[in-house]
Protein backbone atom coordinates (compact mmCIF):
# COMPACT_ATOMS: atom_id res chain seq x y z
CA UNK A 1 215.02 -10.64 36.94
CA UNK A 2 212.30 -8.22 37.43
CA UNK A 3 209.43 -10.53 36.84
CA UNK A 4 211.10 -13.44 39.07
CA UNK A 5 211.30 -10.81 41.84
CA UNK A 6 207.72 -10.11 41.56
CA UNK A 7 206.65 -13.79 41.58
CA UNK A 8 208.81 -14.39 44.63
CA UNK A 9 207.18 -11.42 46.28
CA UNK A 10 203.77 -12.53 45.30
CA UNK A 11 204.57 -15.80 46.75
CA UNK A 12 205.46 -14.25 50.03
CA UNK A 13 202.32 -12.28 50.20
CA UNK A 14 200.42 -15.53 49.62
CA UNK A 15 201.82 -17.05 52.45
CA UNK A 16 201.52 -14.09 54.69
CA UNK A 17 197.87 -14.01 53.65
CA UNK A 18 197.57 -17.65 54.58
CA UNK A 19 198.70 -16.84 58.15
CA UNK A 20 197.16 -13.43 58.33
CA UNK A 21 194.25 -14.48 60.71
CA UNK A 22 196.50 -16.69 62.73
CA UNK A 23 198.49 -13.83 64.42
CA UNK A 24 197.98 -14.10 68.28
CA UNK A 25 195.40 -11.81 69.80
CA UNK A 26 198.12 -10.47 71.87
CA UNK A 27 199.98 -9.15 69.00
CA UNK A 28 197.22 -7.39 67.37
CA UNK A 29 195.66 -3.85 68.45
CA UNK A 30 192.20 -4.72 69.84
CA UNK A 31 189.58 -2.23 70.65
CA UNK A 32 186.28 -4.19 70.72
CA UNK A 33 184.96 -6.78 73.26
CA UNK A 34 181.42 -6.14 73.00
CA UNK A 35 180.71 -9.63 71.49
CA UNK A 36 182.35 -11.41 74.24
CA UNK A 37 180.01 -12.20 77.29
CA UNK A 38 181.49 -12.37 81.09
CA UNK A 39 181.87 -15.97 80.71
CA UNK A 40 184.08 -15.71 77.66
CA UNK A 41 181.34 -16.74 75.29
CA UNK A 42 181.48 -15.25 71.93
CA UNK A 43 178.06 -13.41 71.21
CA UNK A 44 176.51 -13.37 67.79
CA UNK A 45 173.84 -11.03 67.65
CA UNK A 46 171.76 -9.95 64.78
CA UNK A 47 171.52 -6.22 64.13
CA UNK A 48 168.52 -4.91 62.03
CA UNK A 49 169.25 -2.42 59.33
CA UNK A 50 166.33 -2.42 56.96
CA UNK A 51 162.74 -3.93 57.41
CA UNK A 52 163.85 -7.25 56.62
CA UNK A 53 167.54 -6.97 56.61
CA UNK A 54 169.97 -7.97 59.35
CA UNK A 55 173.74 -8.47 59.94
CA UNK A 56 176.27 -9.83 62.53
CA UNK A 57 179.25 -7.67 63.24
CA UNK A 58 182.65 -9.29 63.75
CA UNK A 59 185.47 -7.87 66.11
CA UNK A 60 188.06 -5.61 64.91
CA UNK A 61 190.71 -8.12 65.61
CA UNK A 62 192.94 -10.82 64.15
CA UNK A 63 191.33 -14.35 64.35
CA UNK A 64 192.19 -16.14 67.35
CA UNK A 65 191.03 -18.99 69.57
CA UNK A 66 189.69 -16.65 71.81
CA UNK A 67 187.17 -14.87 69.24
CA UNK A 68 186.73 -18.20 67.36
CA UNK A 69 187.70 -16.29 64.09
CA UNK A 70 184.64 -13.98 64.38
CA UNK A 71 186.34 -10.91 62.73
CA UNK A 72 184.15 -10.46 59.50
CA UNK A 73 180.44 -9.85 59.10
CA UNK A 74 177.63 -11.71 57.61
CA UNK A 75 174.13 -10.70 56.71
CA UNK A 76 170.75 -12.06 55.72
CA UNK A 77 167.42 -11.08 54.34
CA UNK A 78 164.05 -12.75 55.25
CA UNK A 79 161.83 -13.08 52.52
CA UNK A 80 158.16 -14.80 52.21
CA UNK A 81 159.87 -17.91 50.75
CA UNK A 82 163.00 -18.14 52.70
CA UNK A 83 166.12 -16.50 54.01
CA UNK A 84 168.90 -15.51 51.89
CA UNK A 85 172.55 -15.29 53.73
CA UNK A 86 175.40 -13.31 52.52
CA UNK A 87 178.71 -14.96 53.76
CA UNK A 88 179.24 -17.56 56.31
CA UNK A 89 181.55 -16.37 59.08
CA UNK A 90 184.84 -17.89 60.13
CA UNK A 91 184.12 -21.04 61.74
CA UNK A 92 181.49 -23.73 61.99
CA UNK A 93 180.58 -22.71 65.54
CA UNK A 94 179.94 -19.16 64.54
CA UNK A 95 177.64 -20.31 61.59
CA UNK A 96 175.63 -22.42 64.08
CA UNK A 97 175.37 -19.19 66.26
CA UNK A 98 174.04 -17.08 63.10
CA UNK A 99 171.60 -19.87 62.28
CA UNK A 100 170.35 -19.55 65.83
CA UNK A 101 169.98 -15.94 65.52
CA UNK A 102 167.94 -16.12 62.29
CA UNK A 103 165.67 -18.66 63.88
CA UNK A 104 164.95 -16.08 66.65
CA UNK A 105 163.60 -13.60 63.94
CA UNK A 106 161.95 -16.13 61.50
CA UNK A 107 160.84 -19.64 60.97
CA UNK A 108 161.56 -19.53 57.15
CA UNK A 109 163.93 -21.70 55.85
CA UNK A 110 167.48 -20.74 54.85
CA UNK A 111 167.44 -21.35 51.12
CA UNK A 112 170.57 -19.69 49.88
CA UNK A 113 174.04 -18.41 50.72
CA UNK A 114 175.94 -15.98 48.53
CA UNK A 115 179.58 -15.57 49.12
CA UNK A 116 181.25 -12.35 48.44
CA UNK A 117 184.57 -14.14 48.23
CA UNK A 118 186.54 -17.21 49.43
CA UNK A 119 188.69 -15.67 52.02
CA UNK A 120 188.77 -18.00 55.11
CA UNK A 121 186.97 -15.52 57.61
CA UNK A 122 183.93 -15.33 55.32
CA UNK A 123 183.65 -19.09 54.24
CA UNK A 124 184.89 -21.62 57.06
CA UNK A 125 181.19 -21.89 58.56
CA UNK A 126 179.56 -22.77 55.18
CA UNK A 127 179.33 -26.48 55.66
CA UNK A 128 176.66 -25.68 58.42
CA UNK A 129 174.44 -23.79 55.98
CA UNK A 130 174.87 -26.68 53.21
CA UNK A 131 173.72 -29.32 56.21
CA UNK A 132 170.28 -27.23 56.13
CA UNK A 133 170.19 -27.78 52.30
CA UNK A 134 171.05 -24.15 51.21
CA UNK A 135 172.18 -23.47 47.82
CA UNK A 136 175.46 -21.67 47.76
CA UNK A 137 176.37 -19.00 45.08
CA UNK A 138 179.89 -17.79 44.38
CA UNK A 139 181.88 -16.12 41.54
CA UNK A 140 183.32 -18.82 39.36
CA UNK A 141 187.14 -17.80 40.04
CA UNK A 142 186.36 -19.27 43.51
CA UNK A 143 187.32 -22.69 41.97
CA UNK A 144 190.77 -21.35 41.60
CA UNK A 145 190.98 -20.76 45.20
CA UNK A 146 189.61 -24.11 46.36
CA UNK A 147 192.10 -25.92 44.23
CA UNK A 148 195.12 -23.55 45.27
CA UNK A 149 197.92 -24.75 47.82
CA UNK A 150 197.23 -21.37 49.47
CA UNK A 151 193.60 -22.56 50.35
CA UNK A 152 194.99 -26.08 51.48
CA UNK A 153 197.71 -24.54 53.76
CA UNK A 154 195.57 -21.92 55.33
CA UNK A 155 193.12 -24.65 56.40
CA UNK A 156 195.81 -26.77 58.00
CA UNK A 157 197.20 -23.79 59.86
CA UNK A 158 193.47 -22.64 60.93
CA UNK A 159 193.03 -26.15 62.41
CA UNK A 160 196.05 -25.23 64.73
CA UNK A 161 195.63 -21.71 65.26
CA UNK A 162 191.67 -21.74 65.87
CA UNK A 163 191.20 -25.18 67.50
CA UNK A 164 188.77 -26.40 68.54
CA UNK A 165 186.34 -24.00 66.63
CA UNK A 166 188.25 -24.99 63.20
CA UNK A 167 189.31 -28.56 63.52
CA UNK A 168 189.92 -31.64 61.26
CA UNK A 169 186.00 -31.74 60.76
CA UNK A 170 186.08 -28.36 59.03
CA UNK A 171 186.17 -28.17 55.28
CA UNK A 172 186.07 -26.01 52.16
CA UNK A 173 182.63 -25.98 50.30
CA UNK A 174 182.21 -25.50 46.76
CA UNK A 175 179.49 -23.52 45.44
CA UNK A 176 176.43 -24.93 43.96
CA UNK A 177 175.96 -21.96 41.45
CA UNK A 178 179.08 -20.68 40.03
CA UNK A 179 178.39 -16.74 38.54
CA UNK A 180 180.26 -15.78 35.46
CA UNK A 181 179.17 -12.21 35.39
CA UNK A 182 176.01 -10.58 36.81
CA UNK A 183 173.03 -12.50 37.94
CA UNK A 184 169.56 -11.68 39.57
CA UNK A 185 168.48 -14.20 42.34
CA UNK A 186 164.77 -13.86 43.21
CA UNK A 187 163.36 -15.64 46.23
CA UNK A 188 159.85 -14.80 47.69
CA UNK A 189 159.49 -11.91 45.19
CA UNK A 190 162.79 -10.10 46.53
CA UNK A 191 165.53 -9.50 44.04
CA UNK A 192 169.43 -9.87 44.88
CA UNK A 193 171.37 -8.29 42.39
CA UNK A 194 174.51 -10.09 42.34
CA UNK A 195 177.41 -8.21 40.57
CA UNK A 196 181.07 -9.46 39.63
CA UNK A 197 183.33 -6.78 40.78
CA UNK A 198 186.53 -8.69 40.95
CA UNK A 199 189.76 -8.91 40.68
CA UNK A 200 189.70 -6.41 43.35
CA UNK A 201 190.08 -7.27 47.12
CA UNK A 202 189.99 -10.87 45.76
CA UNK A 203 189.82 -12.41 42.26
CA UNK A 204 186.37 -13.53 42.90
CA UNK A 205 184.45 -10.47 44.49
CA UNK A 206 180.91 -10.26 44.23
CA UNK A 207 178.58 -7.51 45.78
CA UNK A 208 174.85 -8.22 46.69
CA UNK A 209 172.53 -5.25 46.27
CA UNK A 210 168.55 -5.69 47.59
CA UNK A 211 166.70 -3.03 45.92
CA UNK A 212 163.45 -3.34 47.90
CA UNK A 213 165.65 -3.13 51.13
CA UNK A 214 168.05 -0.28 49.69
CA UNK A 215 170.97 -2.42 51.31
CA UNK A 216 174.24 -3.22 49.40
CA UNK A 217 176.31 -6.32 50.98
CA UNK A 218 179.95 -5.15 49.99
CA UNK A 219 182.02 -7.77 51.32
CA UNK A 220 185.72 -6.70 51.80
CA UNK A 221 185.53 -4.02 49.28
CA UNK A 222 184.54 -1.85 52.21
CA UNK A 223 186.05 -1.67 55.70
CA UNK A 224 184.84 0.17 58.46
CA UNK A 225 186.70 1.31 61.56
CA UNK A 226 189.88 -0.85 60.92
CA UNK A 227 192.86 -0.93 58.55
CA UNK A 228 191.63 -2.78 55.46
CA UNK A 229 193.38 -5.91 54.60
CA UNK A 230 195.05 -5.65 51.03
CA UNK A 231 196.89 -9.25 50.88
CA UNK A 232 197.42 -9.95 47.32
CA UNK A 233 194.45 -7.74 45.90
CA UNK A 234 194.47 -5.72 42.61
CA UNK A 235 194.36 -2.17 44.22
CA UNK A 236 193.53 -0.67 40.72
CA UNK A 237 190.71 -3.19 40.20
CA UNK A 238 189.51 -2.50 43.93
CA UNK A 239 189.25 1.19 43.41
CA UNK A 240 187.44 0.57 40.17
CA UNK A 241 184.91 -1.45 42.06
CA UNK A 242 184.33 1.26 44.71
CA UNK A 243 183.26 3.49 41.57
CA UNK A 244 180.71 0.78 40.66
CA UNK A 245 179.32 0.80 44.33
CA UNK A 246 179.10 4.68 44.30
CA UNK A 247 177.02 4.50 41.14
CA UNK A 248 174.33 2.14 42.72
CA UNK A 249 173.92 4.92 45.51
CA UNK A 250 172.48 2.21 48.17
CA UNK A 251 171.08 3.84 51.14
CA UNK A 252 172.64 1.32 53.78
CA UNK A 253 175.96 -0.54 53.13
CA UNK A 254 176.97 -3.57 54.96
CA UNK A 255 180.73 -3.99 54.83
CA UNK A 256 182.82 -7.33 55.27
CA UNK A 257 184.06 -5.77 58.46
CA UNK A 258 183.01 -2.94 60.82
CA UNK A 259 179.53 -1.47 61.27
CA UNK A 260 176.88 -0.67 58.89
CA UNK A 261 176.59 2.74 57.53
CA UNK A 262 173.85 4.98 55.89
CA UNK A 263 176.61 7.12 54.07
CA UNK A 264 177.72 5.14 51.04
CA UNK A 265 180.02 8.08 49.90
CA UNK A 266 182.05 8.29 53.14
CA UNK A 267 182.32 4.33 53.22
CA UNK A 268 183.91 4.46 49.81
CA UNK A 269 186.06 7.25 50.40
CA UNK A 270 187.87 5.83 53.37
CA UNK A 271 188.82 2.53 51.59
CA UNK A 272 189.65 4.21 48.26
CA UNK A 273 191.66 7.10 50.02
CA UNK A 274 193.69 4.35 51.86
CA UNK A 275 194.40 2.55 48.62
CA UNK A 276 195.17 5.55 46.66
CA UNK A 277 197.64 6.58 49.40
CA UNK A 278 199.44 3.15 49.35
CA UNK A 279 199.63 3.31 45.41
CA UNK A 280 200.92 7.13 45.89
CA UNK A 281 203.69 6.38 48.40
CA UNK A 282 204.90 2.95 46.98
CA UNK A 283 204.59 3.84 43.25
CA UNK A 284 207.67 5.84 42.77
CA UNK A 285 209.91 3.32 44.57
CA UNK A 286 208.20 0.53 42.90
CA UNK A 287 208.99 1.84 39.45
CA UNK A 288 212.35 2.79 39.96
CA UNK A 289 213.19 -0.21 41.90
CA UNK A 290 213.96 1.56 44.91
CA UNK A 291 214.17 -0.64 48.19
CA UNK A 292 210.78 -1.10 49.79
CA UNK A 293 211.96 -0.24 53.28
CA UNK A 294 213.03 2.97 52.51
CA UNK A 295 209.85 3.86 50.71
CA UNK A 296 207.77 2.64 53.63
CA UNK A 297 210.08 4.58 56.40
CA UNK A 298 209.61 7.83 54.21
CA UNK A 299 205.72 7.51 54.05
CA UNK A 300 203.62 9.56 56.49
CA UNK A 301 201.30 7.17 58.26
CA UNK A 302 199.93 9.36 60.78
CA UNK A 303 196.44 9.46 59.41
CA UNK A 304 196.19 5.43 59.83
CA UNK A 305 198.46 4.72 62.64
CA UNK A 306 196.12 4.94 65.43
CA UNK A 307 193.53 2.70 63.87
CA UNK A 308 192.85 -0.98 64.78
CA UNK A 309 195.23 -3.61 62.82
CA UNK A 310 197.72 -0.88 61.61
CA UNK A 311 200.84 -2.67 63.16
CA UNK A 312 199.43 -6.03 62.13
CA UNK A 313 198.64 -5.23 58.35
CA UNK A 314 199.79 -1.91 57.01
CA UNK A 315 203.44 -2.75 56.37
CA UNK A 316 202.15 -6.08 54.45
CA UNK A 317 199.57 -4.01 52.61
CA UNK A 318 202.12 -1.62 51.53
CA UNK A 319 204.59 -4.36 50.51
CA UNK A 320 201.89 -5.94 48.16
CA UNK A 321 201.17 -2.57 46.31
CA UNK A 322 204.73 -2.08 45.92
CA UNK A 323 204.88 -5.54 44.10
CA UNK A 324 201.77 -5.18 42.24
CA UNK A 325 202.85 -1.78 40.79
CA UNK A 326 206.08 -3.30 39.57
CA UNK A 327 203.75 -5.67 37.65
CA UNK A 328 201.56 -3.36 35.92
């Protein structure tokens, strides 16, 4: 009975996660429209964070037709032998705009894309980079996601929710190189240290550190300026992954969502403290099989309830942690 209850709950989380980026914009807490021009066009603008490193910053919103699913970040590093991109954004049109931004900065060919994980807002633009001949790198557990019913249903829903930006021509793209553990990618004399850190936010989490730039691309292990999306994450594994990031001691962190930062300790602390608090307030009820709603109502959310996406994500986050603690 206990295990059956957990399986049913995880299925519910998976279905909610599949629709997470499909909540209408009007239902979400939004605070940033600086990527939208006066005529309603989505702007994808490269921000330089190191001599050869740039990123584009998504809006702290739920995915929608209006924002073309531009809710996550992507980055790129220019080397003497080509450009390496980290993540591919949430729709093909956004990927095209990112490619245009790269071409404003360099004539170097885009030779590689490293995926931090296979969530929709990071991968639906991937096909545009494949058209350019880029080699795609991802963690091997991404194969399980690509074969899952969740991935198929999410794409079906996204073709409706984000039309015309995600449509019948949008497809899921497998990696060319599947990474089992850690890997050093060298392009133009620049090293990209790719580390497997999942299961954490996702089963297939990777982080990418560029020592010469002292920049870490943390994917969705770190959220800035908004409530994290826990989904069906392994909260304990996620906290362990954050400990790994602290050991790297990067000068600059580019998160999967939110602005870049020069204070890695603060970046880690916000996300880690949030996960720790979820475990603290959900743990006793989960272990004693007390009702989730009672535990949620008793918790003090005042530290987080003014943040973007609190109403859209926090209850689902807490429920996931409640279920996952039952299974530990």
